[in-house]
Amino acid sequence: MDTKIIGVVGGGQLCLMMGESIRDKGLSYRLVAVDPTPNCPAHQFLDQQFVGDYKDEEQIRKLGEVSDILTFEIELASSRVLEELKQRGKPVHPSPETLRMIQDKYTQASFLQAHHIPVPDFQGVTGRADLEAAVKEYGLPLIVKARKDSYDGRGNFVLRDQGEIDKVLSYFSGRDLMAQRYIPFDVEVSVISARSTHGKIATFPVGENIHGLDYNILETTIVPARVSPEVSSKARKTAEDTMEALNGVGVFGIEMFVVNGTILINEIAPRVHNSGHYSIEACHTSQFEQHLRAIAGERLGNTGLVSGSAVMHNIIGEEGCTGNYQLMYGNVPVVGTVQVGEGVFFHNYGKHEVKPHRKMGHLTVVSLDGEAQEDLIHRARKIKDNLKIELRSK
């Protein structure tokens, strides 16, 4: 197969893991990227980096000139210039139209609802009157979301008291909003789904997601999710229906609520997703290799687990933790991607500095022969507790 040059808008940790997948599997791809940070996390795997914002039209056009296929690792990519490049004949996956629709959470929810895919009740918010109407309609607590330029839980506010309405409007000053009914879910799950240029769909095992209590950022993914076979089947079927409706190409992360055995889609990420990082070591094909296969028109890989179960923990900067840092496991520095024991893998993304709530890396622990899932969960937590981000002087 001829080597294809993949242009990525974003050279962060997701692009980094694409590069690792290319290296580890000997795949016939090369990477170039646009990223605002010089020597971005993926730089060691890039033939070329264009330094620019994710919406920098000039730099994205330059990226298009040297790429065979364009993709993106972040929803903030400019859908307008990607559409322009597509019109000039450059393959862009997922499509700019899909990106544009998903970039607006209200439009995204409306699209799913129109295709009879279940979502929580929602409505648009343009000011105080709309927000008060939403409180009256859906009650409290109420989820208020910025419609655009938000991802990974950023841009969300849980309104718990009507007296906080002014606080919400101030917090989101000048931004388009939507209100969503608060769902007291039993568990939150996600399905990593891939669709090829030939229309073939493959889903990874259903993952159970646990988010931080003080911030809505993913902390842990447990695979397979601790749900019934019936719920797991519904979740995968909902993901497949969503991929068909989107007519999307590439890997998508589809987040869902499970409520009394029913499924509601919370949000969709049109890219490889944090809750699928476990797949690097725990599945026959990682989500990163699968994404490359899907957008390049290749046959999709085997998404099955290589062992009974797996746990992924994010390594996240704590409150007040800012600056130069070293990731430590006990007294040992963690650099790059390393295996530190049977079925135990650390990923340090190599970001230049730590910030509060910033994802600095992740840990994946794969079950040993005969190890029960609850024992694995306990073992993975003990390993995670020995990982520390230490600040150091420059």
Protein backbone atom coordinates (compact mmCIF):
# COMPACT_ATOMS: atom_id res chain seq x y z
CA MET A 1 0.00 0.00 0.00
CA ASP A 2 1.28 3.47 -0.84
CA THR A 3 2.12 5.61 2.18
CA LYS A 4 -0.62 8.16 2.83
CA ILE A 5 0.08 11.53 4.43
CA ILE A 6 -2.55 12.32 7.06
CA GLY A 7 -2.99 16.00 7.93
CA VAL A 8 -4.32 16.54 11.46
CA VAL A 9 -5.77 19.76 12.85
CA GLY A 10 -4.30 19.46 16.32
CA GLY A 11 -0.97 17.98 17.37
CA GLY A 12 -1.87 17.12 20.95
CA GLN A 13 -2.13 13.85 22.82
CA LEU A 14 -4.59 12.28 20.37
CA CYS A 15 -2.32 12.95 17.42
CA LEU A 16 0.57 11.68 19.57
CA MET A 17 -1.20 8.37 20.07
CA MET A 18 -1.95 8.13 16.35
CA GLY A 19 1.78 8.46 15.79
CA GLU A 20 2.55 5.77 18.36
CA SER A 21 0.04 3.48 16.66
CA ILE A 22 1.72 4.03 13.27
CA ARG A 23 5.12 3.25 14.78
CA ASP A 24 4.06 0.24 16.84
CA LYS A 25 2.02 -1.41 14.09
CA GLY A 26 4.30 -0.43 11.19
CA LEU A 27 1.39 1.28 9.40
CA SER A 28 1.79 2.98 6.03
CA TYR A 29 0.92 6.52 7.12
CA ARG A 30 2.83 9.70 7.87
CA LEU A 31 1.55 12.62 9.92
CA VAL A 32 1.62 16.39 9.54
CA ALA A 33 -0.29 18.76 11.81
CA VAL A 34 -1.41 22.28 12.69
CA ASP A 35 -1.05 23.10 16.39
CA PRO A 36 -0.60 26.36 18.33
CA THR A 37 2.19 24.99 20.54
CA PRO A 38 5.67 24.75 18.99
CA ASN A 39 7.07 21.23 19.48
CA CYS A 40 3.55 20.03 20.35
CA PRO A 41 3.11 16.63 22.09
CA ALA A 42 2.99 14.79 18.73
CA HIS A 43 6.05 16.56 17.25
CA GLN A 44 8.28 13.46 17.37
CA PHE A 45 5.90 11.71 14.94
CA LEU A 46 5.32 14.63 12.58
CA ASP A 47 6.99 15.14 9.22
CA GLN A 48 6.02 18.80 9.57
CA GLN A 49 4.21 21.06 12.03
CA PHE A 50 2.45 24.27 11.03
CA VAL A 51 2.27 26.52 14.08
CA GLY A 52 -1.18 28.05 14.28
CA ASP A 53 -4.50 27.98 16.05
CA TYR A 54 -7.06 25.27 15.23
CA LYS A 55 -9.01 27.93 13.31
CA ASP A 56 -5.98 29.45 11.55
CA GLU A 57 -7.20 29.30 7.96
CA GLU A 58 -3.83 30.06 6.38
CA GLN A 59 -2.05 27.28 8.29
CA ILE A 60 -4.85 24.77 7.65
CA ARG A 61 -4.64 25.54 3.93
CA LYS A 62 -0.89 24.85 4.08
CA LEU A 63 -1.68 21.59 5.87
CA GLY A 64 -4.07 20.67 3.05
CA GLU A 65 -1.39 21.27 0.42
CA VAL A 66 0.92 18.59 1.86
CA SER A 67 -1.74 16.05 2.93
CA ASP A 68 -3.52 13.22 1.14
CA ILE A 69 -6.34 13.12 3.73
CA LEU A 70 -7.38 15.64 6.37
CA THR A 71 -8.78 14.91 9.82
CA PHE A 72 -8.84 16.60 13.25
CA GLU A 73 -8.31 15.72 16.89
CA ILE A 74 -10.39 18.54 18.36
CA GLU A 75 -13.86 19.96 17.69
CA LEU A 76 -12.47 23.51 17.63
CA ALA A 77 -11.08 22.93 14.12
CA SER A 78 -12.32 25.38 11.48
CA SER A 79 -15.17 23.65 9.68
CA ARG A 80 -15.30 26.55 7.20
CA VAL A 81 -11.79 26.15 5.80
CA LEU A 82 -12.07 22.34 5.90
CA GLU A 83 -15.22 22.67 3.78
CA GLU A 84 -13.28 24.88 1.37
CA LEU A 85 -10.55 22.23 1.05
CA LYS A 86 -13.15 19.50 0.58
CA GLN A 87 -14.72 21.48 -2.25
CA ARG A 88 -11.29 21.59 -3.88
CA GLY A 89 -11.20 17.79 -3.86
CA LYS A 90 -9.28 17.07 -0.64
CA PRO A 91 -10.77 14.17 1.37
CA VAL A 92 -11.79 15.39 4.85
CA HIS A 93 -12.98 12.86 7.44
CA PRO A 94 -15.16 13.25 9.42
CA SER A 95 -16.84 15.64 7.01
CA PRO A 96 -16.85 19.41 7.66
CA GLU A 97 -20.66 19.29 7.60
CA THR A 98 -20.66 16.74 10.43
CA LEU A 99 -18.09 18.77 12.36
CA ARG A 100 -20.14 21.96 11.97
CA MET A 101 -23.29 20.25 13.19
CA ILE A 102 -21.57 18.69 16.22
CA GLN A 103 -19.78 21.95 17.09
CA ASP A 104 -23.17 23.39 18.04
CA LYS A 105 -24.63 21.26 20.83
CA TYR A 106 -28.15 22.52 20.20
CA THR A 107 -27.91 21.62 16.51
CA GLN A 108 -26.41 18.26 17.47
CA ALA A 109 -29.29 17.43 19.82
CA SER A 110 -31.83 18.62 17.24
CA PHE A 111 -30.24 16.39 14.58
CA LEU A 112 -30.41 13.32 16.83
CA GLN A 113 -33.98 14.05 17.83
CA ALA A 114 -35.00 14.44 14.17
CA HIS A 115 -33.51 10.99 13.46
CA HIS A 116 -35.45 9.42 16.35
CA ILE A 117 -32.32 8.83 18.41
CA PRO A 118 -33.11 9.36 22.11
CA VAL A 119 -31.69 12.48 23.84
CA PRO A 120 -32.59 14.32 27.07
CA ASP A 121 -35.19 17.09 26.72
CA PHE A 122 -33.58 20.37 25.69
CA GLN A 123 -34.31 23.88 24.46
CA GLY A 124 -32.41 26.92 23.26
CA VAL A 125 -31.64 29.82 25.60
CA THR A 126 -31.21 33.41 24.43
CA GLY A 127 -31.68 35.19 27.75
CA ARG A 128 -33.19 35.23 31.23
CA ALA A 129 -36.76 34.56 30.09
CA ASP A 130 -35.74 31.39 28.25
CA LEU A 131 -33.71 30.16 31.20
CA GLU A 132 -36.58 30.80 33.60
CA ALA A 133 -38.92 28.95 31.21
CA ALA A 134 -36.52 26.00 31.11
CA VAL A 135 -36.41 25.88 34.91
CA LYS A 136 -40.21 25.87 34.98
CA GLU A 137 -40.38 23.15 32.29
CA TYR A 138 -37.60 20.83 33.48
CA GLY A 139 -37.15 21.73 37.14
CA LEU A 140 -33.92 21.95 39.10
CA PRO A 141 -31.13 21.04 38.89
CA LEU A 142 -30.81 22.08 35.23
CA ILE A 143 -27.89 21.62 32.86
CA VAL A 144 -26.90 24.80 30.99
CA LYS A 145 -24.42 24.40 28.14
CA ALA A 146 -22.57 26.74 25.83
CA ARG A 147 -23.67 25.73 22.35
CA LYS A 148 -20.26 26.25 20.74
CA ASP A 149 -16.54 26.10 21.54
CA SER A 150 -16.86 23.66 24.40
CA TYR A 151 -15.81 20.04 24.73
CA ASP A 152 -14.76 17.45 27.36
CA GLY A 153 -17.28 18.86 29.83
CA ARG A 154 -16.00 22.42 29.51
CA GLY A 155 -18.76 24.94 28.92
CA ASN A 156 -21.28 23.18 31.18
CA PHE A 157 -22.97 24.62 34.29
CA VAL A 158 -25.29 22.81 36.69
CA LEU A 159 -27.95 25.30 37.80
CA ARG A 160 -29.15 24.11 41.23
CA ASP A 161 -30.96 27.20 42.50
CA GLN A 162 -33.06 29.77 40.67
CA GLY A 163 -31.09 32.45 42.47
CA GLU A 164 -28.04 31.44 40.41
CA ILE A 165 -29.57 32.51 37.09
CA ASP A 166 -27.66 35.80 37.05
CA LYS A 167 -24.47 33.87 37.86
CA VAL A 168 -25.08 31.54 34.91
CA LEU A 169 -25.76 34.40 32.50
CA SER A 170 -22.62 36.18 33.69
CA TYR A 171 -20.54 33.00 33.44
CA PHE A 172 -21.64 32.50 29.83
CA SER A 173 -21.70 36.19 28.93
CA GLY A 174 -22.08 36.70 25.17
CA ARG A 175 -22.34 32.98 24.33
CA ASP A 176 -25.24 31.08 22.74
CA LEU A 177 -26.73 28.63 25.24
CA MET A 178 -29.00 25.64 25.57
CA ALA A 179 -30.72 24.11 28.57
CA GLN A 180 -30.99 20.36 29.04
CA ARG A 181 -33.08 18.38 31.50
CA TYR A 182 -30.92 17.06 34.34
CA ILE A 183 -30.77 13.26 34.09
CA PRO A 184 -30.25 11.35 37.37
CA PHE A 185 -28.64 8.50 35.46
CA ASP A 186 -27.72 5.10 36.86
CA VAL A 187 -24.44 5.04 34.97
CA GLU A 188 -22.78 6.94 32.13
CA VAL A 189 -21.36 4.87 29.28
CA SER A 190 -19.72 5.50 25.94
CA VAL A 191 -19.30 3.54 22.75
CA ILE A 192 -16.33 4.18 20.49
CA SER A 193 -17.62 3.64 16.97
CA ALA A 194 -15.92 3.62 13.59
CA ARG A 195 -17.40 3.91 10.12
CA SER A 196 -15.28 3.39 7.01
CA THR A 197 -15.46 5.18 3.68
CA HIS A 198 -17.26 2.02 2.46
CA GLY A 199 -20.01 2.40 5.07
CA LYS A 200 -18.91 -0.48 7.30
CA ILE A 201 -19.39 0.10 11.04
CA ALA A 202 -17.48 -1.43 13.95
CA THR A 203 -18.05 -0.64 17.63
CA PHE A 204 -15.73 -1.17 20.55
CA PRO A 205 -16.93 -2.67 23.87
CA VAL A 206 -19.19 -0.45 25.93
CA GLY A 207 -17.19 1.54 28.49
CA GLU A 208 -18.41 2.78 31.87
CA ASN A 209 -17.32 6.36 32.56
CA ILE A 210 -16.78 8.07 35.91
CA HIS A 211 -16.30 11.85 35.96
CA GLY A 212 -14.79 14.14 38.59
CA LEU A 213 -17.10 15.39 41.33
CA ASP A 214 -15.77 18.95 41.25
CA TYR A 215 -15.28 19.21 37.47
CA ASN A 216 -16.96 17.44 34.60
CA ILE A 217 -13.83 15.79 33.20
CA LEU A 218 -13.50 12.06 32.68
CA GLU A 219 -11.49 10.36 35.43
CA THR A 220 -11.98 6.64 34.83
CA THR A 221 -13.24 4.25 32.15
CA ILE A 222 -14.04 0.63 33.02
CA VAL A 223 -14.42 -1.91 30.20
CA PRO A 224 -16.68 -3.74 29.79
CA ALA A 225 -19.21 -1.47 31.50
CA ARG A 226 -20.91 -2.98 34.54
CA VAL A 227 -24.33 -3.05 32.88
CA SER A 228 -26.63 -5.85 31.78
CA PRO A 229 -26.13 -7.55 28.40
CA GLU A 230 -29.43 -5.98 27.31
CA VAL A 231 -28.23 -2.45 28.11
CA SER A 232 -24.88 -3.12 26.44
CA SER A 233 -26.68 -4.31 23.30
CA LYS A 234 -28.93 -1.21 23.30
CA ALA A 235 -25.92 1.08 23.67
CA ARG A 236 -24.06 -0.48 20.74
CA LYS A 237 -27.22 -0.45 18.59
CA THR A 238 -27.80 3.24 19.43
CA ALA A 239 -24.19 3.99 18.46
CA GLU A 240 -24.61 2.17 15.14
CA ASP A 241 -27.86 4.04 14.42
CA THR A 242 -26.09 7.31 15.19
CA MET A 243 -23.20 6.53 12.84
CA GLU A 244 -25.66 5.67 10.07
CA ALA A 245 -27.59 8.90 10.63
CA LEU A 246 -24.40 10.98 10.62
CA ASN A 247 -23.05 9.21 7.54
CA GLY A 248 -19.78 9.83 9.32
CA VAL A 249 -16.34 8.44 8.44
CA GLY A 250 -13.72 7.84 11.11
CA VAL A 251 -13.91 7.15 14.83
CA PHE A 252 -16.54 8.86 16.98
CA GLY A 253 -16.99 8.84 20.75
CA ILE A 254 -20.68 8.57 21.65
CA GLU A 255 -21.50 9.32 25.29
CA MET A 256 -24.76 8.04 26.78
CA PHE A 257 -26.77 8.00 29.98
CA VAL A 258 -28.33 4.75 31.22
CA VAL A 259 -31.61 5.37 33.05
CA ASN A 260 -33.70 2.40 34.24
CA GLY A 261 -32.38 0.29 31.38
CA THR A 262 -32.98 2.92 28.68
CA ILE A 263 -30.36 4.82 26.71
CA LEU A 264 -30.12 8.58 26.11
CA ILE A 265 -27.30 10.16 24.12
CA ASN A 266 -25.59 12.96 26.00
CA GLU A 267 -23.03 14.16 23.46
CA ILE A 268 -21.01 13.05 20.45
CA ALA A 269 -17.31 13.69 19.80
CA PRO A 270 -16.41 13.40 16.07
CA ARG A 271 -12.92 12.07 16.82
CA VAL A 272 -10.96 9.51 18.77
CA HIS A 273 -12.09 9.90 22.37
CA ASN A 274 -10.62 9.88 25.86
CA SER A 275 -12.91 7.03 26.93
CA GLY A 276 -11.37 4.86 24.19
CA HIS A 277 -7.74 5.18 25.26
CA TYR A 278 -7.92 1.76 26.94
CA SER A 279 -8.11 0.24 23.44
CA ILE A 280 -4.37 0.82 22.84
CA GLU A 281 -3.39 -2.08 25.08
CA ALA A 282 -6.74 -3.77 25.77
CA CYS A 283 -8.07 -4.35 22.22
CA HIS A 284 -6.76 -6.09 19.13
CA THR A 285 -7.08 -2.79 17.25
CA SER A 286 -6.76 0.57 19.01
CA GLN A 287 -9.18 3.39 18.29
CA PHE A 288 -6.24 5.30 16.76
CA GLU A 289 -5.35 2.60 14.25
CA GLN A 290 -9.06 2.17 13.56
CA HIS A 291 -9.47 5.86 12.79
CA LEU A 292 -6.60 5.76 10.30
CA ARG A 293 -8.00 2.62 8.68
CA ALA A 294 -11.48 4.16 8.44
CA ILE A 295 -10.47 7.47 6.83
CA ALA A 296 -8.01 5.79 4.46
CA GLY A 297 -10.61 3.39 3.07
CA GLU A 298 -9.11 0.25 4.58
CA ARG A 299 -10.94 -2.66 6.19
CA LEU A 300 -11.75 -2.01 9.84
CA GLY A 301 -9.85 -3.99 12.48
CA ASN A 302 -10.96 -6.36 15.24
CA THR A 303 -12.37 -4.32 18.16
CA GLY A 304 -12.50 -7.18 20.67
CA LEU A 305 -10.72 -7.18 24.04
CA VAL A 306 -7.48 -9.16 24.35
CA SER A 307 -8.36 -10.07 27.97
CA GLY A 308 -11.41 -10.05 30.19
CA SER A 309 -11.46 -6.39 31.21
CA ALA A 310 -9.49 -3.16 31.50
CA VAL A 311 -9.43 0.07 33.50
CA MET A 312 -8.19 3.47 32.27
CA HIS A 313 -7.45 6.33 34.70
CA ASN A 314 -6.71 9.85 33.52
CA ILE A 315 -3.79 11.68 35.12
CA ILE A 316 -5.13 15.20 35.72
CA GLY A 317 -3.52 18.36 37.08
CA GLU A 318 -4.86 19.22 40.53
CA GLU A 319 -6.20 22.56 41.69
CA GLY A 320 -3.34 25.00 42.22
CA CYS A 321 -0.91 22.81 40.29
CA THR A 322 0.68 24.98 37.59
CA GLY A 323 4.12 25.04 35.98
CA ASN A 324 7.04 22.81 35.10
CA TYR A 325 6.51 19.27 36.31
CA GLN A 326 7.61 15.65 36.41
CA LEU A 327 5.23 12.68 36.38
CA MET A 328 6.37 10.18 39.01
CA TYR A 329 5.43 6.57 39.82
CA GLY A 330 6.69 6.22 43.32
CA ASN A 331 10.29 7.46 43.01
CA VAL A 332 10.59 6.67 39.29
CA PRO A 333 10.00 9.31 36.57
CA VAL A 334 7.46 8.37 33.88
CA VAL A 335 8.54 9.52 30.41
CA GLY A 336 6.64 8.74 27.20
CA THR A 337 4.71 5.46 27.04
CA VAL A 338 6.06 2.71 29.28
CA GLN A 339 5.02 -0.70 30.58
CA VAL A 340 5.80 -1.06 34.28
CA GLY A 341 4.45 -4.53 34.95
CA GLU A 342 2.30 -7.24 33.44
CA GLY A 343 -0.69 -5.48 31.91
CA VAL A 344 0.22 -2.04 33.38
CA PHE A 345 0.90 0.85 30.99
CA PHE A 346 1.61 4.54 31.63
CA HIS A 347 1.21 7.28 29.01
CA ASN A 348 2.85 10.66 29.66
CA TYR A 349 1.68 13.08 26.96
CA GLY A 350 4.76 15.27 27.28
CA LYS A 351 2.92 18.56 27.64
CA HIS A 352 5.16 21.52 28.42
CA GLU A 353 3.47 22.44 31.69
CA VAL A 354 0.80 21.21 34.05
CA LYS A 355 -2.37 23.22 34.71
CA PRO A 356 -5.38 22.59 36.96
CA HIS A 357 -7.77 20.03 35.41
CA ARG A 358 -5.42 19.49 32.43
CA LYS A 359 -5.04 15.92 31.20
CA MET A 360 -1.33 15.10 31.48
CA GLY A 361 -1.47 11.40 30.68
CA HIS A 362 -3.30 8.21 31.45
CA LEU A 363 -2.85 4.77 32.99
CA THR A 364 -4.30 1.55 31.57
CA VAL A 365 -4.39 -1.72 33.52
CA VAL A 366 -5.44 -4.89 31.69
CA SER A 367 -6.78 -7.87 33.64
CA LEU A 368 -4.58 -10.89 34.29
CA ASP A 369 -5.71 -14.45 33.58
CA GLY A 370 -8.61 -15.28 35.88
CA GLU A 371 -8.67 -11.83 37.53
CA ALA A 372 -12.17 -10.71 38.45
CA GLN A 373 -13.23 -7.26 37.26
CA GLU A 374 -13.72 -5.86 40.77
CA ASP A 375 -10.23 -7.06 41.73
CA LEU A 376 -8.83 -5.34 38.65
CA ILE A 377 -10.63 -2.10 39.54
CA HIS A 378 -9.14 -2.20 43.04
CA ARG A 379 -5.64 -2.98 41.73
CA ALA A 380 -5.80 -0.18 39.14
CA ARG A 381 -6.83 2.34 41.81
CA LYS A 382 -3.84 1.40 44.00
CA ILE A 383 -1.50 1.88 41.03
CA LYS A 384 -3.11 5.23 40.21
CA ASP A 385 -2.67 6.38 43.82
CA ASN A 386 1.11 5.91 43.43
CA LEU A 387 1.22 8.26 40.42
CA LYS A 388 2.00 11.87 41.26
CA ILE A 389 2.57 15.09 39.35
CA GLU A 390 5.48 16.85 41.04
CA LEU A 391 6.21 20.52 40.38
CA ARG A 392 9.87 21.39 39.85
CA SER A 393 11.89 24.50 39.25
CA LYS A 394 12.83 25.35 35.67
